[in-house]
Protein backbone atom coordinates (compact mmCIF):
# COMPACT_ATOMS: atom_id res chain seq x y z
CA MET A 1 -104.79 108.84 84.23
CA ALA A 2 -104.29 110.86 81.04
CA GLY A 3 -100.69 111.42 80.10
CA ALA A 4 -99.41 108.65 82.34
CA GLU A 5 -96.43 106.78 80.96
CA ALA A 6 -97.33 103.27 79.81
CA HIS A 7 -94.98 100.37 80.51
CA HIS A 8 -95.06 96.84 79.18
CA SER A 9 -92.65 93.97 78.96
CA HIS A 10 -91.94 91.12 76.58
CA ARG A 11 -90.61 87.62 77.04
CA ASP A 12 -86.99 86.95 76.22
CA VAL A 13 -87.51 85.82 72.63
CA ASN A 14 -83.90 84.69 72.31
CA GLY A 15 -84.27 82.35 75.27
CA GLY A 16 -81.15 83.74 76.99
CA TRP A 17 -79.25 81.02 78.86
CA LEU A 18 -82.39 78.96 79.53
CA ARG A 19 -83.00 77.64 76.05
CA PRO A 20 -79.51 76.16 75.30
CA ALA A 21 -79.20 74.82 78.86
CA VAL A 22 -82.59 73.10 78.83
CA PHE A 23 -82.23 71.71 75.32
CA GLY A 24 -78.74 70.44 76.11
CA ALA A 25 -80.11 68.64 79.17
CA MET A 26 -82.98 67.18 77.15
CA ASP A 27 -80.54 65.97 74.51
CA GLY A 28 -78.52 64.20 77.19
CA LEU A 29 -81.66 62.73 78.76
CA VAL A 30 -83.16 61.38 75.54
CA SER A 31 -79.93 60.04 74.08
CA ASN A 32 -78.72 58.28 77.24
CA LEU A 33 -82.20 57.01 78.10
CA GLY A 34 -82.37 55.54 74.62
CA LEU A 35 -78.91 53.99 74.94
CA ILE A 36 -79.63 52.50 78.37
CA SER A 37 -83.02 51.20 77.24
CA GLY A 38 -81.51 49.59 74.17
CA VAL A 39 -78.77 47.86 76.15
CA ALA A 40 -81.29 46.78 78.81
CA GLY A 41 -83.55 45.39 76.10
CA SER A 42 -80.77 43.07 74.99
CA SER A 43 -80.87 41.43 78.46
CA ALA A 44 -77.42 42.77 79.38
CA SER A 45 -76.32 42.77 83.01
CA SER A 46 -76.80 45.81 85.23
CA GLN A 47 -73.03 46.32 85.25
CA ALA A 48 -72.92 46.37 81.44
CA ILE A 49 -75.81 48.84 81.36
CA ALA A 50 -74.04 51.12 83.84
CA VAL A 51 -70.83 50.99 81.79
CA ALA A 52 -72.72 51.72 78.58
CA GLY A 53 -74.59 54.62 80.20
CA THR A 54 -71.40 56.11 81.60
CA ALA A 55 -69.68 55.81 78.23
CA GLY A 56 -72.71 57.38 76.56
CA LEU A 57 -72.64 60.30 78.98
CA ALA A 58 -68.92 60.94 78.47
CA ALA A 59 -68.96 60.49 74.70
CA GLY A 60 -72.07 62.62 74.23
CA ALA A 61 -70.88 65.43 76.51
CA PHE A 62 -67.45 65.63 74.87
CA SER A 63 -69.03 65.48 71.42
CA MET A 64 -71.45 68.27 72.29
CA ALA A 65 -68.66 70.40 73.74
CA ALA A 66 -66.35 69.89 70.76
CA GLY A 67 -69.12 70.53 68.25
CA GLU A 68 -70.32 73.65 70.05
CA TYR A 69 -66.77 75.01 70.40
CA THR A 70 -66.03 74.50 66.72
CA SER A 71 -69.36 75.95 65.62
CA VAL A 72 -69.16 79.08 67.77
CA ALA A 73 -65.45 79.62 67.06
CA SER A 74 -66.02 79.38 63.30
CA GLN A 75 -68.97 81.75 63.46
CA ARG A 76 -66.98 84.19 65.60
CA GLU A 77 -64.04 84.12 63.18
CA LEU A 78 -66.37 84.77 60.24
CA VAL A 79 -67.99 87.73 62.01
CA LEU A 80 -64.61 89.20 63.02
CA ALA A 81 -63.41 88.93 59.41
CA GLU A 82 -66.50 90.77 58.19
CA ILE A 83 -66.05 93.43 60.87
CA ASP A 84 -62.50 93.99 59.59
CA VAL A 85 -63.92 94.42 56.08
CA GLU A 86 -66.35 97.02 57.39
CA ARG A 87 -63.58 98.81 59.30
CA ARG A 88 -61.48 99.08 56.13
CA GLU A 89 -64.44 100.37 54.13
CA LEU A 90 -65.15 103.04 56.74
CA SER A 91 -61.52 104.13 56.55
CA ARG A 92 -61.20 104.09 52.76
CA HIS A 93 -64.66 105.25 51.68
CA PRO A 94 -66.18 107.26 54.53
CA ASP A 95 -68.53 109.23 52.26
CA ASP A 96 -69.96 106.09 50.67
CA GLU A 97 -70.46 104.50 54.09
CA LEU A 98 -72.12 107.65 55.37
CA ALA A 99 -74.53 107.62 52.43
CA GLU A 100 -75.18 103.93 53.01
CA LEU A 101 -76.11 104.51 56.65
CA ALA A 102 -78.32 107.49 55.75
CA ASP A 103 -80.11 105.28 53.21
CA VAL A 104 -80.86 102.75 55.95
CA TYR A 105 -82.72 105.42 57.92
CA VAL A 106 -84.50 106.70 54.81
CA ARG A 107 -85.83 103.20 54.14
CA ARG A 108 -87.16 103.21 57.69
CA GLY A 109 -89.17 106.35 57.02
CA VAL A 110 -86.82 109.16 58.09
CA GLU A 111 -86.81 112.28 55.91
CA PRO A 112 -83.65 112.21 53.68
CA GLY A 113 -82.09 115.42 55.01
CA LEU A 114 -82.62 114.40 58.61
CA ALA A 115 -81.39 110.86 57.87
CA ARG A 116 -78.12 112.21 56.47
CA GLU A 117 -77.64 114.51 59.47
CA VAL A 118 -78.29 111.65 61.91
CA ALA A 119 -75.84 109.44 60.01
CA ARG A 120 -73.23 112.24 60.03
CA GLN A 121 -73.48 112.76 63.78
CA LEU A 122 -73.41 109.05 64.55
CA SER A 123 -70.37 108.59 62.30
CA ALA A 124 -68.31 111.27 64.05
CA ASP A 125 -66.83 108.62 66.36
CA PRO A 126 -65.08 105.89 64.27
CA GLU A 127 -65.73 103.13 66.81
CA GLN A 128 -69.37 104.10 67.16
CA ALA A 129 -69.67 104.21 63.38
CA LEU A 130 -68.18 100.72 63.13
CA GLU A 131 -70.60 99.38 65.74
CA ILE A 132 -73.62 100.94 64.01
CA HIS A 133 -72.64 99.69 60.56
CA THR A 134 -71.92 96.22 61.97
CA ARG A 135 -75.30 96.10 63.69
CA GLU A 136 -77.14 97.31 60.60
CA GLU A 137 -75.34 95.17 58.02
CA LEU A 138 -74.36 92.04 59.97
CA GLY A 139 -76.92 92.07 62.79
CA VAL A 140 -74.24 91.66 65.49
CA ALA A 141 -72.47 93.86 68.04
CA PRO A 142 -68.63 93.79 67.84
CA GLY A 143 -68.30 93.76 71.63
CA ASP A 144 -70.96 91.14 72.26
CA LEU A 145 -69.77 88.08 70.34
CA PRO A 146 -70.28 84.63 71.93
CA SER A 147 -67.37 82.85 73.58
CA PRO A 148 -66.50 79.39 72.18
CA THR A 149 -65.16 78.29 75.58
CA VAL A 150 -68.32 79.32 77.43
CA ALA A 151 -70.46 77.62 74.78
CA ALA A 152 -68.43 74.40 75.03
CA VAL A 153 -68.44 74.27 78.84
CA SER A 154 -72.17 75.04 78.97
CA SER A 155 -72.98 72.33 76.42
CA PHE A 156 -70.82 69.79 78.25
CA GLY A 157 -72.41 70.56 81.60
CA SER A 158 -76.04 70.63 80.44
CA PHE A 159 -75.70 67.42 78.42
CA ALA A 160 -73.98 65.61 81.29
CA ALA A 161 -76.62 66.82 83.76
CA GLY A 162 -79.36 65.35 81.60
CA ALA A 163 -77.53 62.15 80.71
CA VAL A 164 -76.75 61.27 84.34
CA LEU A 165 -80.44 61.01 85.34
CA PRO A 166 -81.26 57.67 83.67
CA LEU A 167 -77.84 56.40 84.75
CA LEU A 168 -78.19 57.21 88.45
CA PRO A 169 -80.38 54.21 89.45
CA TYR A 170 -77.84 51.78 87.96
CA LEU A 171 -74.94 53.55 89.66
CA MET A 172 -76.85 53.16 92.93
CA GLY A 173 -77.35 49.42 92.43
CA ALA A 174 -80.67 49.14 90.54
CA THR A 175 -81.18 45.90 88.61
CA ALA A 176 -84.33 46.87 86.69
CA LEU A 177 -84.92 49.42 83.96
CA TRP A 178 -88.08 51.05 85.33
CA PRO A 179 -86.40 53.33 87.95
CA ALA A 180 -84.15 54.77 85.25
CA VAL A 181 -87.11 55.32 82.92
CA LEU A 182 -89.22 56.97 85.62
CA LEU A 183 -86.42 59.32 86.69
CA ALA A 184 -85.60 60.23 83.10
CA LEU A 185 -89.23 60.87 82.17
CA LEU A 186 -89.65 63.08 85.22
CA GLY A 187 -86.59 65.05 84.14
CA LEU A 188 -87.94 65.35 80.60
CA PHE A 189 -91.27 66.64 81.88
CA LEU A 190 -89.52 69.26 84.01
CA CYS A 191 -87.29 70.31 81.12
CA GLY A 192 -90.28 70.59 78.82
CA ALA A 193 -92.13 72.66 81.41
CA ALA A 194 -89.09 74.94 81.73
CA VAL A 195 -89.09 75.50 77.96
CA ALA A 196 -92.59 76.98 78.33
CA ARG A 197 -90.93 80.03 79.87
CA VAL A 198 -89.73 81.04 76.40
CA THR A 199 -92.77 79.87 74.42
CA ALA A 200 -96.46 80.63 74.38
CA ARG A 201 -97.41 77.06 75.28
CA PRO A 202 -98.75 76.05 78.74
CA TRP A 203 -96.12 74.43 80.97
CA TRP A 204 -98.05 71.17 81.21
CA PHE A 205 -98.34 70.90 77.41
CA SER A 206 -94.60 71.39 76.87
CA GLY A 207 -93.82 68.99 79.70
CA LEU A 208 -96.13 66.24 78.44
CA ARG A 209 -94.90 66.66 74.86
CA GLN A 210 -91.29 66.15 75.88
CA LEU A 211 -92.24 63.26 78.16
CA GLY A 212 -94.05 61.59 75.25
CA LEU A 213 -91.10 62.00 72.90
CA GLY A 214 -88.69 60.60 75.49
CA ALA A 215 -90.98 57.65 76.21
CA ALA A 216 -91.22 56.90 72.48
CA ALA A 217 -87.43 56.98 72.13
CA ALA A 218 -87.00 54.65 75.11
CA GLY A 219 -89.66 52.24 73.84
CA LEU A 220 -88.23 52.05 70.32
CA THR A 221 -84.64 51.53 71.45
CA TYR A 222 -85.73 48.93 74.01
CA ALA A 223 -87.55 47.05 71.25
CA LEU A 224 -84.52 47.30 68.97
CA GLY A 225 -82.25 46.06 71.77
CA SER A 226 -84.58 43.12 72.42
CA LEU A 227 -84.65 42.26 68.73
CA LEU A 228 -80.87 42.40 68.36
CA GLY A 229 -80.34 40.55 71.64
CA THR A 230 -82.56 37.71 70.43
CA SER A 231 -81.12 37.53 66.91
CA LEU A 232 -77.47 37.88 67.93
CA GLY A 233 -77.69 35.88 71.12
């Protein structure tokens, strides 16, 4: 019908919570599957494999959490420092900042007089002016900065959730490697399929790709463990 309002939607191109959670789980899966396969390839006992897998889970999860906390905290501190710089500039040189904001709109195609009027009205509120300048110049929102604690806890949990899958069969008394490999590869396929939600790829393609990469990692580390077990034994 003519004049009807058209609506359309887009995928979440940032991935939201799904992307870091899924990739953290895949990291835990691949790394612990590789570790367990390598230790199993050296003909170690099931108990030794379980201990190695548990240590790999703990070490990897704590490493991921510490690294993510440090990374996000450092980025947050940098952004806050730059926001303080912008706040001082708005206080000391309001006319220059007003002209700078108007120029942003002019470059986007707004007529110069209208651009200056829009910038003037938006700059009437100091906090709103700070938010607009921060968005335009830094690409961030002052009130929407990531939390280092949330990032660390999320990384720890997603990595541990992935890393526990290849370890579970040994914790439940398995004496062969194949149950751990099958469970881990199933998890990798599901994680890969979940990633398809934020990509243009079919779910089966993403799932099979991740399954193939995990299988290659397990095969290579198993071969390396067998080689070292033979040469060192």
